Amino acid sequence: IKVVIRCRPMSDTETRDGRQNVVEMTKQGEVILKRNNSNEQPKTFTFDNVYDQNSKQETVYHETAYSIVEFVLEGYNGTIFAYGQTGTGKTPVSYTHLRAHETREDLVCRLLLEKK
């Protein structure tokens, strides 16, 4: 079991409201939560891999999902489980509706298209 975290970018509404990012991610798999204007010590959590708000779907797919798909196609069991607060982007990352001018970047379609 591996636990991977992907932090979404702030929404337009959050930016307009003047909200600030309180999440920092390190290359060592750490997520640091800080409270702005607080004397409280930052909280640090460590995961197998982390992706910040600038991460690309292609990178997340190849570094996390691709090997699981390979094993499933060889007959083994595999699960990719997305968990998070409502509205944080789980569905768009996993499934998106394709319009005529768009390319498929969601995980499920990428998995299927690459295995044709």
PDB file of N, CA and C in Angstrom:
ATOM      1  N   ILE A   1       0.859  -1.181   0.000  1.00  0.00           N
ATOM      2  CA  ILE A   1       0.000   0.000   0.000  1.00  0.00           C
ATOM      3  C   ILE A   1       0.897   1.233   0.000  1.00  0.00           C
ATOM      4  N   LYS A   2       0.556   2.153  -0.884  1.00  0.00           N
ATOM      5  CA  LYS A   2       1.241   3.442  -0.930  1.00  0.00           C
ATOM      6  C   LYS A   2       0.200   4.544  -0.769  1.00  0.00           C
ATOM      7  N   VAL A   3       0.573   5.578  -0.064  1.00  0.00           N
ATOM      8  CA  VAL A   3      -0.319   6.723   0.113  1.00  0.00           C
ATOM      9  C   VAL A   3       0.311   7.914  -0.597  1.00  0.00           C
ATOM     10  N   VAL A   4      -0.454   8.465  -1.537  1.00  0.00           N
ATOM     11  CA  VAL A   4       0.020   9.570  -2.362  1.00  0.00           C
ATOM     12  C   VAL A   4      -0.931  10.741  -2.179  1.00  0.00           C
ATOM     13  N   ILE A   5      -0.388  11.922  -2.045  1.00  0.00           N
ATOM     14  CA  ILE A   5      -1.187  13.140  -1.850  1.00  0.00           C
ATOM     15  C   ILE A   5      -0.986  14.065  -3.044  1.00  0.00           C
ATOM     16  N   ARG A   6      -2.098  14.614  -3.534  1.00  0.00           N
ATOM     17  CA  ARG A   6      -2.022  15.640  -4.569  1.00  0.00           C
ATOM     18  C   ARG A   6      -2.812  16.855  -4.087  1.00  0.00           C
ATOM     19  N   CYS A   7      -2.144  17.983  -4.021  1.00  0.00           N
ATOM     20  CA  CYS A   7      -2.777  19.215  -3.560  1.00  0.00           C
ATOM     21  C   CYS A   7      -3.283  19.993  -4.774  1.00  0.00           C
ATOM     22  N   ARG A   8      -4.525  20.349  -4.771  1.00  0.00           N
ATOM     23  CA  ARG A   8      -5.092  21.097  -5.891  1.00  0.00           C
ATOM     24  C   ARG A   8      -4.712  22.565  -5.797  1.00  0.00           C
ATOM     25  N   PRO A   9      -4.738  23.250  -6.944  1.00  0.00           N
ATOM     26  CA  PRO A   9      -4.519  24.710  -6.904  1.00  0.00           C
ATOM     27  C   PRO A   9      -5.706  25.400  -6.232  1.00  0.00           C
ATOM     28  N   MET A  10      -5.486  26.593  -5.758  1.00  0.00           N
ATOM     29  CA  MET A  10      -6.598  27.349  -5.189  1.00  0.00           C
ATOM     30  C   MET A  10      -7.565  27.726  -6.316  1.00  0.00           C
ATOM     31  N   SER A  11      -8.821  27.742  -5.990  1.00  0.00           N
ATOM     32  CA  SER A  11      -9.846  28.103  -6.969  1.00  0.00           C
ATOM     33  C   SER A  11      -9.819  29.612  -7.204  1.00  0.00           C
ATOM     34  N   ASP A  12     -10.477  30.040  -8.272  1.00  0.00           N
ATOM     35  CA  ASP A  12     -10.594  31.476  -8.551  1.00  0.00           C
ATOM     36  C   ASP A  12     -11.272  32.197  -7.388  1.00  0.00           C
ATOM     37  N   THR A  13     -12.283  31.565  -6.810  1.00  0.00           N
ATOM     38  CA  THR A  13     -12.997  32.162  -5.685  1.00  0.00           C
ATOM     39  C   THR A  13     -12.064  32.331  -4.490  1.00  0.00           C
ATOM     40  N   GLU A  14     -11.264  31.314  -4.200  1.00  0.00           N
ATOM     41  CA  GLU A  14     -10.332  31.401  -3.071  1.00  0.00           C
ATOM     42  C   GLU A  14      -9.311  32.517  -3.300  1.00  0.00           C
ATOM     43  N   THR A  15      -8.843  32.636  -4.529  1.00  0.00           N
ATOM     44  CA  THR A  15      -7.873  33.684  -4.859  1.00  0.00           C
ATOM     45  C   THR A  15      -8.513  35.063  -4.731  1.00  0.00           C
ATOM     46  N   ARG A  16      -9.730  35.219  -5.291  1.00  0.00           N
ATOM     47  CA  ARG A  16     -10.449  36.501  -5.200  1.00  0.00           C
ATOM     48  C   ARG A  16     -10.719  36.897  -3.755  1.00  0.00           C
ATOM     49  N   ASP A  17     -11.006  35.901  -2.907  1.00  0.00           N
ATOM     50  CA  ASP A  17     -11.286  36.175  -1.494  1.00  0.00           C
ATOM     51  C   ASP A  17     -10.026  36.503  -0.702  1.00  0.00           C
ATOM     52  N   GLY A  18      -8.858  36.416  -1.344  1.00  0.00           N
ATOM     53  CA  GLY A  18      -7.606  36.740  -0.666  1.00  0.00           C
ATOM     54  C   GLY A  18      -7.089  35.640   0.242  1.00  0.00           C
ATOM     55  N   ARG A  19      -7.571  34.436   0.043  1.00  0.00           N
ATOM     56  CA  ARG A  19      -7.101  33.322   0.871  1.00  0.00           C
ATOM     57  C   ARG A  19      -5.659  32.988   0.513  1.00  0.00           C
ATOM     58  N   GLN A  20      -4.954  32.430   1.464  1.00  0.00           N
ATOM     59  CA  GLN A  20      -3.548  32.094   1.252  1.00  0.00           C
ATOM     60  C   GLN A  20      -3.341  30.590   1.359  1.00  0.00           C
ATOM     61  N   ASN A  21      -2.375  30.104   0.607  1.00  0.00           N
ATOM     62  CA  ASN A  21      -2.033  28.691   0.655  1.00  0.00           C
ATOM     63  C   ASN A  21      -1.379  28.385   2.000  1.00  0.00           C
ATOM     64  N   VAL A  22      -1.833  27.338   2.656  1.00  0.00           N
ATOM     65  CA  VAL A  22      -1.261  26.952   3.942  1.00  0.00           C
ATOM     66  C   VAL A  22      -0.580  25.587   3.870  1.00  0.00           C
ATOM     67  N   VAL A  23      -0.424  25.068   2.645  1.00  0.00           N
ATOM     68  CA  VAL A  23       0.167  23.751   2.444  1.00  0.00           C
ATOM     69  C   VAL A  23       1.495  23.895   1.708  1.00  0.00           C
ATOM     70  N   GLU A  24       2.519  23.275   2.247  1.00  0.00           N
ATOM     71  CA  GLU A  24       3.824  23.221   1.583  1.00  0.00           C
ATOM     72  C   GLU A  24       4.187  21.752   1.418  1.00  0.00           C
ATOM     73  N   MET A  25       4.727  21.404   0.269  1.00  0.00           N
ATOM     74  CA  MET A  25       5.113  20.019   0.006  1.00  0.00           C
ATOM     75  C   MET A  25       6.596  19.959  -0.310  1.00  0.00           C
ATOM     76  N   THR A  26       7.248  18.905   0.190  1.00  0.00           N
ATOM     77  CA  THR A  26       8.683  18.754  -0.041  1.00  0.00           C
ATOM     78  C   THR A  26       8.946  17.555  -0.935  1.00  0.00           C
ATOM     79  N   LYS A  27      10.123  17.500  -1.513  1.00  0.00           N
ATOM     80  CA  LYS A  27      10.504  16.368  -2.357  1.00  0.00           C
ATOM     81  C   LYS A  27      10.713  15.094  -1.542  1.00  0.00           C
ATOM     82  N   GLN A  28      10.783  15.219  -0.227  1.00  0.00           N
ATOM     83  CA  GLN A  28      10.950  14.059   0.638  1.00  0.00           C
ATOM     84  C   GLN A  28       9.608  13.435   1.031  1.00  0.00           C
ATOM     85  N   GLY A  29       8.523  13.867   0.396  1.00  0.00           N
ATOM     86  CA  GLY A  29       7.206  13.299   0.672  1.00  0.00           C
ATOM     87  C   GLY A  29       6.521  13.899   1.882  1.00  0.00           C
ATOM     88  N   GLU A  30       6.943  15.079   2.274  1.00  0.00           N
ATOM     89  CA  GLU A  30       6.326  15.725   3.434  1.00  0.00           C
ATOM     90  C   GLU A  30       5.285  16.752   3.007  1.00  0.00           C
ATOM     91  N   VAL A  31       4.229  16.820   3.790  1.00  0.00           N
ATOM     92  CA  VAL A  31       3.215  17.857   3.642  1.00  0.00           C
ATOM     93  C   VAL A  31       3.251  18.655   4.937  1.00  0.00           C
ATOM     94  N   ILE A  32       3.489  19.945   4.809  1.00  0.00           N
ATOM     95  CA  ILE A  32       3.585  20.819   5.977  1.00  0.00           C
ATOM     96  C   ILE A  32       2.393  21.763   5.963  1.00  0.00           C
ATOM     97  N   LEU A  33       1.604  21.715   7.023  1.00  0.00           N
ATOM     98  CA  LEU A  33       0.428  22.578   7.159  1.00  0.00           C
ATOM     99  C   LEU A  33       0.763  23.708   8.108  1.00  0.00           C
ATOM    100  N   LYS A  34       0.596  24.940   7.611  1.00  0.00           N
ATOM    101  CA  LYS A  34       0.901  26.122   8.414  1.00  0.00           C
ATOM    102  C   LYS A  34      -0.347  26.967   8.543  1.00  0.00           C
ATOM    103  N   ARG A  35      -0.494  27.577   9.681  1.00  0.00           N
ATOM    104  CA  ARG A  35      -1.594  28.530   9.874  1.00  0.00           C
ATOM    105  C   ARG A  35      -1.020  29.916   9.751  1.00  0.00           C
ATOM    106  N   ASN A  36      -1.552  30.683   8.814  1.00  0.00           N
ATOM    107  CA  ASN A  36      -1.099  32.066   8.653  1.00  0.00           C
ATOM    108  C   ASN A  36      -1.475  32.888   9.882  1.00  0.00           C
ATOM    109  N   ASN A  37      -0.618  33.813  10.216  1.00  0.00           N
ATOM    110  CA  ASN A  37      -0.860  34.718  11.354  1.00  0.00           C
ATOM    111  C   ASN A  37      -1.133  33.963  12.652  1.00  0.00           C
ATOM    112  N   SER A  38      -0.405  32.874  12.864  1.00  0.00           N
ATOM    113  CA  SER A  38      -0.600  32.083  14.071  1.00  0.00           C
ATOM    114  C   SER A  38       0.755  31.728  14.666  1.00  0.00           C
ATOM    115  N   ASN A  39       0.787  31.626  15.961  1.00  0.00           N
ATOM    116  CA  ASN A  39       2.007  31.196  16.640  1.00  0.00           C
ATOM    117  C   ASN A  39       2.082  29.675  16.731  1.00  0.00           C
ATOM    118  N   GLU A  40       1.043  29.006  16.248  1.00  0.00           N
ATOM    119  CA  GLU A  40       0.999  27.549  16.298  1.00  0.00           C
ATOM    120  C   GLU A  40       2.093  26.954  15.411  1.00  0.00           C
ATOM    121  N   GLN A  41       2.747  25.922  15.898  1.00  0.00           N
ATOM    122  CA  GLN A  41       3.794  25.244  15.140  1.00  0.00           C
ATOM    123  C   GLN A  41       3.190  24.544  13.919  1.00  0.00           C
ATOM    124  N   PRO A  42       3.889  24.569  12.773  1.00  0.00           N
ATOM    125  CA  PRO A  42       3.397  23.836  11.595  1.00  0.00           C
ATOM    126  C   PRO A  42       3.311  22.341  11.898  1.00  0.00           C
ATOM    127  N   LYS A  43       2.385  21.683  11.259  1.00  0.00           N
ATOM    128  CA  LYS A  43       2.232  20.228  11.399  1.00  0.00           C
ATOM    129  C   LYS A  43       2.797  19.570  10.147  1.00  0.00           C
ATOM    130  N   THR A  44       3.608  18.539  10.321  1.00  0.00           N
ATOM    131  CA  THR A  44       4.233  17.853   9.194  1.00  0.00           C
ATOM    132  C   THR A  44       3.752  16.412   9.132  1.00  0.00           C
ATOM    133  N   PHE A  45       3.381  15.976   7.925  1.00  0.00           N
ATOM    134  CA  PHE A  45       2.948  14.612   7.674  1.00  0.00           C
ATOM    135  C   PHE A  45       3.803  14.060   6.538  1.00  0.00           C
ATOM    136  N   THR A  46       4.128  12.774   6.600  1.00  0.00           N
ATOM    137  CA  THR A  46       4.977  12.166   5.577  1.00  0.00           C
ATOM    138  C   THR A  46       4.193  11.092   4.823  1.00  0.00           C
ATOM    139  N   PHE A  47       4.326  11.097   3.488  1.00  0.00           N
ATOM    140  CA  PHE A  47       3.639  10.151   2.620  1.00  0.00           C
ATOM    141  C   PHE A  47       4.643   9.518   1.656  1.00  0.00           C
ATOM    142  N   ASP A  48       4.186   8.509   0.934  1.00  0.00           N
ATOM    143  CA  ASP A  48       5.066   7.859  -0.034  1.00  0.00           C
ATOM    144  C   ASP A  48       5.456   8.796  -1.164  1.00  0.00           C
ATOM    145  N   ASN A  49       4.510   9.644  -1.564  1.00  0.00           N
ATOM    146  CA  ASN A  49       4.795  10.623  -2.608  1.00  0.00           C
ATOM    147  C   ASN A  49       3.799  11.761  -2.476  1.00  0.00           C
ATOM    148  N   VAL A  50       4.227  12.964  -2.840  1.00  0.00           N
ATOM    149  CA  VAL A  50       3.341  14.123  -2.794  1.00  0.00           C
ATOM    150  C   VAL A  50       3.451  14.902  -4.101  1.00  0.00           C
ATOM    151  N   TYR A  51       2.357  15.518  -4.479  1.00  0.00           N
ATOM    152  CA  TYR A  51       2.307  16.340  -5.688  1.00  0.00           C
ATOM    153  C   TYR A  51       1.690  17.675  -5.317  1.00  0.00           C
ATOM    154  N   ASP A  52       2.382  18.753  -5.627  1.00  0.00           N
ATOM    155  CA  ASP A  52       1.872  20.072  -5.266  1.00  0.00           C
ATOM    156  C   ASP A  52       0.875  20.567  -6.306  1.00  0.00           C
ATOM    157  N   GLN A  53       0.402  21.799  -6.104  1.00  0.00           N
ATOM    158  CA  GLN A  53      -0.631  22.366  -6.980  1.00  0.00           C
ATOM    159  C   GLN A  53      -0.149  22.614  -8.403  1.00  0.00           C
ATOM    160  N   ASN A  54       1.151  22.509  -8.646  1.00  0.00           N
ATOM    161  CA  ASN A  54       1.685  22.690  -9.999  1.00  0.00           C
ATOM    162  C   ASN A  54       1.915  21.373 -10.728  1.00  0.00           C
ATOM    163  N   SER A  55       1.581  20.269 -10.105  1.00  0.00           N
ATOM    164  CA  SER A  55       1.841  18.960 -10.707  1.00  0.00           C
ATOM    165  C   SER A  55       0.972  18.742 -11.943  1.00  0.00           C
ATOM    166  N   LYS A  56       1.498  17.969 -12.859  1.00  0.00           N
ATOM    167  CA  LYS A  56       0.803  17.658 -14.112  1.00  0.00           C
ATOM    168  C   LYS A  56       0.150  16.282 -14.015  1.00  0.00           C
ATOM    169  N   GLN A  57      -1.004  16.152 -14.632  1.00  0.00           N
ATOM    170  CA  GLN A  57      -1.734  14.883 -14.638  1.00  0.00           C
ATOM    171  C   GLN A  57      -0.858  13.749 -15.179  1.00  0.00           C
ATOM    172  N   GLU A  58      -0.107  14.028 -16.227  1.00  0.00           N
ATOM    173  CA  GLU A  58       0.772  13.028 -16.844  1.00  0.00           C
ATOM    174  C   GLU A  58       1.780  12.478 -15.832  1.00  0.00           C
ATOM    175  N   THR A  59       2.365  13.350 -15.040  1.00  0.00           N
ATOM    176  CA  THR A  59       3.353  12.934 -14.041  1.00  0.00           C
ATOM    177  C   THR A  59       2.706  12.069 -12.970  1.00  0.00           C
ATOM    178  N   VAL A  60       1.570  12.505 -12.454  1.00  0.00           N
ATOM    179  CA  VAL A  60       0.869  11.739 -11.425  1.00  0.00           C
ATOM    180  C   VAL A  60       0.518  10.359 -11.956  1.00  0.00           C
ATOM    181  N   TYR A  61       0.017  10.299 -13.172  1.00  0.00           N
ATOM    182  CA  TYR A  61      -0.368   9.016 -13.773  1.00  0.00           C
ATOM    183  C   TYR A  61       0.826   8.076 -13.876  1.00  0.00           C
ATOM    184  N   HIS A  62       1.898   8.529 -14.479  1.00  0.00           N
ATOM    185  CA  HIS A  62       3.045   7.640 -14.706  1.00  0.00           C
ATOM    186  C   HIS A  62       3.742   7.228 -13.411  1.00  0.00           C
ATOM    187  N   GLU A  63       3.740   8.094 -12.421  1.00  0.00           N
ATOM    188  CA  GLU A  63       4.437   7.772 -11.180  1.00  0.00           C
ATOM    189  C   GLU A  63       3.574   7.012 -10.170  1.00  0.00           C
ATOM    190  N   THR A  64       2.243   7.011 -10.350  1.00  0.00           N
ATOM    191  CA  THR A  64       1.398   6.348  -9.361  1.00  0.00           C
ATOM    192  C   THR A  64       0.482   5.266  -9.937  1.00  0.00           C
ATOM    193  N   ALA A  65      -0.186   5.535 -11.032  1.00  0.00           N
ATOM    194  CA  ALA A  65      -1.212   4.622 -11.525  1.00  0.00           C
ATOM    195  C   ALA A  65      -0.708   3.591 -12.537  1.00  0.00           C
ATOM    196  N   TYR A  66       0.253   3.963 -13.333  1.00  0.00           N
ATOM    197  CA  TYR A  66       0.673   3.118 -14.460  1.00  0.00           C
ATOM    198  C   TYR A  66       1.058   1.707 -14.014  1.00  0.00           C
ATOM    199  N   SER A  67       1.888   1.578 -12.989  1.00  0.00           N
ATOM    200  CA  SER A  67       2.338   0.246 -12.567  1.00  0.00           C
ATOM    201  C   SER A  67       1.185  -0.589 -12.022  1.00  0.00           C
ATOM    202  N   ILE A  68       0.216   0.051 -11.386  1.00  0.00           N
ATOM    203  CA  ILE A  68      -0.954  -0.680 -10.881  1.00  0.00           C
ATOM    204  C   ILE A  68      -1.747  -1.253 -12.048  1.00  0.00           C
ATOM    205  N   VAL A  69      -1.931  -0.456 -13.081  1.00  0.00           N
ATOM    206  CA  VAL A  69      -2.661  -0.920 -14.266  1.00  0.00           C
ATOM    207  C   VAL A  69      -1.937  -2.100 -14.910  1.00  0.00           C
ATOM    208  N   GLU A  70      -0.627  -2.008 -15.007  1.00  0.00           N
ATOM    209  CA  GLU A  70       0.160  -3.103 -15.579  1.00  0.00           C
ATOM    210  C   GLU A  70      -0.087  -4.402 -14.822  1.00  0.00           C
ATOM    211  N   PHE A  71      -0.055  -4.346 -13.505  1.00  0.00           N
ATOM    212  CA  PHE A  71      -0.278  -5.543 -12.696  1.00  0.00           C
ATOM    213  C   PHE A  71      -1.691  -6.087 -12.873  1.00  0.00           C
ATOM    214  N   VAL A  72      -2.686  -5.193 -12.935  1.00  0.00           N
ATOM    215  CA  VAL A  72      -4.075  -5.624 -13.126  1.00  0.00           C
ATOM    216  C   VAL A  72      -4.218  -6.347 -14.462  1.00  0.00           C
ATOM    217  N   LEU A  73      -3.599  -5.823 -15.495  1.00  0.00           N
ATOM    218  CA  LEU A  73      -3.681  -6.456 -16.814  1.00  0.00           C
ATOM    219  C   LEU A  73      -2.953  -7.800 -16.858  1.00  0.00           C
ATOM    220  N   GLU A  74      -2.070  -8.031 -15.901  1.00  0.00           N
ATOM    221  CA  GLU A  74      -1.393  -9.323 -15.790  1.00  0.00           C
ATOM    222  C   GLU A  74      -2.177 -10.292 -14.915  1.00  0.00           C
ATOM    223  N   GLY A  75      -3.318  -9.856 -14.390  1.00  0.00           N
ATOM    224  CA  GLY A  75      -4.186 -10.740 -13.625  1.00  0.00           C
ATOM    225  C   GLY A  75      -4.164 -10.531 -12.122  1.00  0.00           C
ATOM    226  N   TYR A  76      -3.419  -9.577 -11.631  1.00  0.00           N
ATOM    227  CA  TYR A  76      -3.372  -9.301 -10.195  1.00  0.00           C
ATOM    228  C   TYR A  76      -4.447  -8.289  -9.815  1.00  0.00           C
ATOM    229  N   ASN A  77      -4.742  -8.209  -8.526  1.00  0.00           N
ATOM    230  CA  ASN A  77      -5.692  -7.223  -8.032  1.00  0.00           C
ATOM    231  C   ASN A  77      -4.985  -5.884  -7.829  1.00  0.00           C
ATOM    232  N   GLY A  78      -5.702  -4.804  -8.045  1.00  0.00           N
ATOM    233  CA  GLY A  78      -5.144  -3.476  -7.834  1.00  0.00           C
ATOM    234  C   GLY A  78      -6.249  -2.475  -7.571  1.00  0.00           C
ATOM    235  N   THR A  79      -5.952  -1.469  -6.788  1.00  0.00           N
ATOM    236  CA  THR A  79      -6.928  -0.436  -6.461  1.00  0.00           C
ATOM    237  C   THR A  79      -6.258   0.929  -6.468  1.00  0.00           C
ATOM    238  N   ILE A  80      -6.940   1.885  -7.057  1.00  0.00           N
ATOM    239  CA  ILE A  80      -6.557   3.287  -6.941  1.00  0.00           C
ATOM    240  C   ILE A  80      -7.748   3.952  -6.267  1.00  0.00           C
ATOM    241  N   PHE A  81      -7.531   4.452  -5.066  1.00  0.00           N
ATOM    242  CA  PHE A  81      -8.609   4.979  -4.244  1.00  0.00           C
ATOM    243  C   PHE A  81      -8.424   6.477  -4.067  1.00  0.00           C
ATOM    244  N   ALA A  82      -9.403   7.261  -4.511  1.00  0.00           N
ATOM    245  CA  ALA A  82      -9.337   8.721  -4.367  1.00  0.00           C
ATOM    246  C   ALA A  82     -10.213   9.129  -3.196  1.00  0.00           C
ATOM    247  N   TYR A  83      -9.628   9.884  -2.275  1.00  0.00           N
ATOM    248  CA  TYR A  83     -10.339  10.322  -1.074  1.00  0.00           C
ATOM    249  C   TYR A  83     -10.083  11.807  -0.864  1.00  0.00           C
ATOM    250  N   GLY A  84     -11.096  12.526  -0.483  1.00  0.00           N
ATOM    251  CA  GLY A  84     -10.905  13.940  -0.199  1.00  0.00           C
ATOM    252  C   GLY A  84     -12.229  14.652  -0.005  1.00  0.00           C
ATOM    253  N   GLN A  85     -12.134  15.885   0.434  1.00  0.00           N
ATOM    254  CA  GLN A  85     -13.298  16.715   0.691  1.00  0.00           C
ATOM    255  C   GLN A  85     -14.074  16.945  -0.603  1.00  0.00           C
ATOM    256  N   THR A  86     -15.378  17.108  -0.493  1.00  0.00           N
ATOM    257  CA  THR A  86     -16.220  17.406  -1.642  1.00  0.00           C
ATOM    258  C   THR A  86     -15.714  18.674  -2.340  1.00  0.00           C
ATOM    259  N   GLY A  87     -15.614  18.609  -3.669  1.00  0.00           N
ATOM    260  CA  GLY A  87     -15.208  19.773  -4.441  1.00  0.00           C
ATOM    261  C   GLY A  87     -13.710  19.944  -4.595  1.00  0.00           C
ATOM    262  N   THR A  88     -12.934  18.940  -4.213  1.00  0.00           N
ATOM    263  CA  THR A  88     -11.476  19.095  -4.286  1.00  0.00           C
ATOM    264  C   THR A  88     -10.866  18.520  -5.551  1.00  0.00           C
ATOM    265  N   GLY A  89     -11.678  17.971  -6.463  1.00  0.00           N
ATOM    266  CA  GLY A  89     -11.139  17.564  -7.754  1.00  0.00           C
ATOM    267  C   GLY A  89     -10.957  16.078  -7.979  1.00  0.00           C
ATOM    268  N   LYS A  90     -11.558  15.237  -7.145  1.00  0.00           N
ATOM    269  CA  LYS A  90     -11.396  13.794  -7.339  1.00  0.00           C
ATOM    270  C   LYS A  90     -12.010  13.332  -8.655  1.00  0.00           C
ATOM    271  N   THR A  91     -13.218  13.757  -8.940  1.00  0.00           N
ATOM    272  CA  THR A  91     -13.887  13.320 -10.163  1.00  0.00           C
ATOM    273  C   THR A  91     -13.195  13.840 -11.416  1.00  0.00           C
ATOM    274  N   PRO A  92     -12.828  15.123 -11.508  1.00  0.00           N
ATOM    275  CA  PRO A  92     -12.126  15.578 -12.714  1.00  0.00           C
ATOM    276  C   PRO A  92     -10.787  14.873 -12.930  1.00  0.00           C
ATOM    277  N   VAL A  93     -10.124  14.483 -11.864  1.00  0.00           N
ATOM    278  CA  VAL A  93      -8.853  13.768 -12.020  1.00  0.00           C
ATOM    279  C   VAL A  93      -9.114  12.358 -12.528  1.00  0.00           C
ATOM    280  N   SER A  94     -10.169  11.727 -12.044  1.00  0.00           N
ATOM    281  CA  SER A  94     -10.450  10.342 -12.406  1.00  0.00           C
ATOM    282  C   SER A  94     -11.264  10.207 -13.691  1.00  0.00           C
ATOM    283  N   TYR A  95     -12.276  11.037 -13.840  1.00  0.00           N
ATOM    284  CA  TYR A  95     -13.169  10.972 -14.999  1.00  0.00           C
ATOM    285  C   TYR A  95     -13.479  12.387 -15.460  1.00  0.00           C
ATOM    286  N   THR A  96     -13.362  12.644 -16.730  1.00  0.00           N
ATOM    287  CA  THR A  96     -13.842  13.916 -17.258  1.00  0.00           C
ATOM    288  C   THR A  96     -14.601  13.639 -18.543  1.00  0.00           C
ATOM    289  N   HIS A  97     -15.457  14.549 -18.900  1.00  0.00           N
ATOM    290  CA  HIS A  97     -16.206  14.404 -20.146  1.00  0.00           C
ATOM    291  C   HIS A  97     -15.391  15.017 -21.267  1.00  0.00           C
ATOM    292  N   LEU A  98     -15.233  14.284 -22.348  1.00  0.00           N
ATOM    293  CA  LEU A  98     -14.402  14.719 -23.464  1.00  0.00           C
ATOM    294  C   LEU A  98     -15.238  15.536 -24.441  1.00  0.00           C
ATOM    295  N   ARG A  99     -14.782  16.746 -24.716  1.00  0.00           N
ATOM    296  CA  ARG A  99     -15.397  17.566 -25.751  1.00  0.00           C
ATOM    297  C   ARG A  99     -14.559  17.422 -27.007  1.00  0.00           C
ATOM    298  N   ALA A 100     -15.067  17.830 -28.145  1.00  0.00           N
ATOM    299  CA  ALA A 100     -14.405  17.607 -29.424  1.00  0.00           C
ATOM    300  C   ALA A 100     -12.978  18.160 -29.472  1.00  0.00           C
ATOM    301  N   HIS A 101     -12.718  19.283 -28.826  1.00  0.00           N
ATOM    302  CA  HIS A 101     -11.411  19.941 -28.915  1.00  0.00           C
ATOM    303  C   HIS A 101     -10.449  19.542 -27.793  1.00  0.00           C
ATOM    304  N   GLU A 102     -10.885  18.659 -26.878  1.00  0.00           N
ATOM    305  CA  GLU A 102     -10.064  18.314 -25.723  1.00  0.00           C
ATOM    306  C   GLU A 102      -9.331  16.990 -25.928  1.00  0.00           C
ATOM    307  N   THR A 103      -8.301  16.800 -25.145  1.00  0.00           N
ATOM    308  CA  THR A 103      -7.608  15.515 -25.107  1.00  0.00           C
ATOM    309  C   THR A 103      -7.924  14.848 -23.785  1.00  0.00           C
ATOM    310  N   ARG A 104      -7.742  13.545 -23.742  1.00  0.00           N
ATOM    311  CA  ARG A 104      -8.034  12.786 -22.535  1.00  0.00           C
ATOM    312  C   ARG A 104      -6.866  12.844 -21.582  1.00  0.00           C
ATOM    313  N   GLU A 105      -7.077  13.448 -20.424  1.00  0.00           N
ATOM    314  CA  GLU A 105      -6.033  13.477 -19.426  1.00  0.00           C
ATOM    315  C   GLU A 105      -6.465  12.834 -18.120  1.00  0.00           C
ATOM    316  N   ASP A 106      -7.741  12.465 -18.003  1.00  0.00           N
ATOM    317  CA  ASP A 106      -8.153  11.865 -16.748  1.00  0.00           C
ATOM    318  C   ASP A 106      -7.586  10.450 -16.634  1.00  0.00           C
ATOM    319  N   LEU A 107      -7.464   9.969 -15.419  1.00  0.00           N
ATOM    320  CA  LEU A 107      -6.792   8.703 -15.167  1.00  0.00           C
ATOM    321  C   LEU A 107      -7.455   7.511 -15.838  1.00  0.00           C
ATOM    322  N   VAL A 108      -8.772   7.381 -15.702  1.00  0.00           N
ATOM    323  CA  VAL A 108      -9.455   6.200 -16.222  1.00  0.00           C
ATOM    324  C   VAL A 108      -9.286   6.111 -17.734  1.00  0.00           C
ATOM    325  N   CYS A 109      -9.531   7.183 -18.446  1.00  0.00           N
ATOM    326  CA  CYS A 109      -9.412   7.142 -19.905  1.00  0.00           C
ATOM    327  C   CYS A 109      -7.972   6.955 -20.355  1.00  0.00           C
ATOM    328  N   ARG A 110      -7.042   7.563 -19.640  1.00  0.00           N
ATOM    329  CA  ARG A 110      -5.629   7.373 -19.978  1.00  0.00           C
ATOM    330  C   ARG A 110      -5.260   5.895 -19.837  1.00  0.00           C
ATOM    331  N   LEU A 111      -5.752   5.252 -18.787  1.00  0.00           N
ATOM    332  CA  LEU A 111      -5.462   3.844 -18.563  1.00  0.00           C
ATOM    333  C   LEU A 111      -5.977   3.001 -19.729  1.00  0.00           C
ATOM    334  N   LEU A 112      -7.192   3.283 -20.141  1.00  0.00           N
ATOM    335  CA  LEU A 112      -7.801   2.497 -21.206  1.00  0.00           C
ATOM    336  C   LEU A 112      -7.189   2.785 -22.568  1.00  0.00           C
ATOM    337  N   LEU A 113      -6.957   4.042 -22.882  1.00  0.00           N
ATOM    338  CA  LEU A 113      -6.423   4.405 -24.189  1.00  0.00           C
ATOM    339  C   LEU A 113      -5.001   3.893 -24.390  1.00  0.00           C
ATOM    340  N   GLU A 114      -4.193   3.894 -23.349  1.00  0.00           N
ATOM    341  CA  GLU A 114      -2.819   3.437 -23.491  1.00  0.00           C
ATOM    342  C   GLU A 114      -2.737   1.921 -23.653  1.00  0.00           C
ATOM    343  N   LYS A 115      -3.790   1.206 -23.313  1.00  0.00           N
ATOM    344  CA  LYS A 115      -3.766  -0.257 -23.358  1.00  0.00           C
ATOM    345  C   LYS A 115      -4.474  -0.807 -24.585  1.00  0.00           C
ATOM    346  N   LYS A 116      -4.821   0.040 -25.537  1.00  0.00           N
ATOM    347  CA  LYS A 116      -5.483  -0.427 -26.771  1.00  0.00           C
ATOM    348  C   LYS A 116      -4.582  -1.354 -27.539  1.00  0.00           C
TER     349      LYS A 116
END
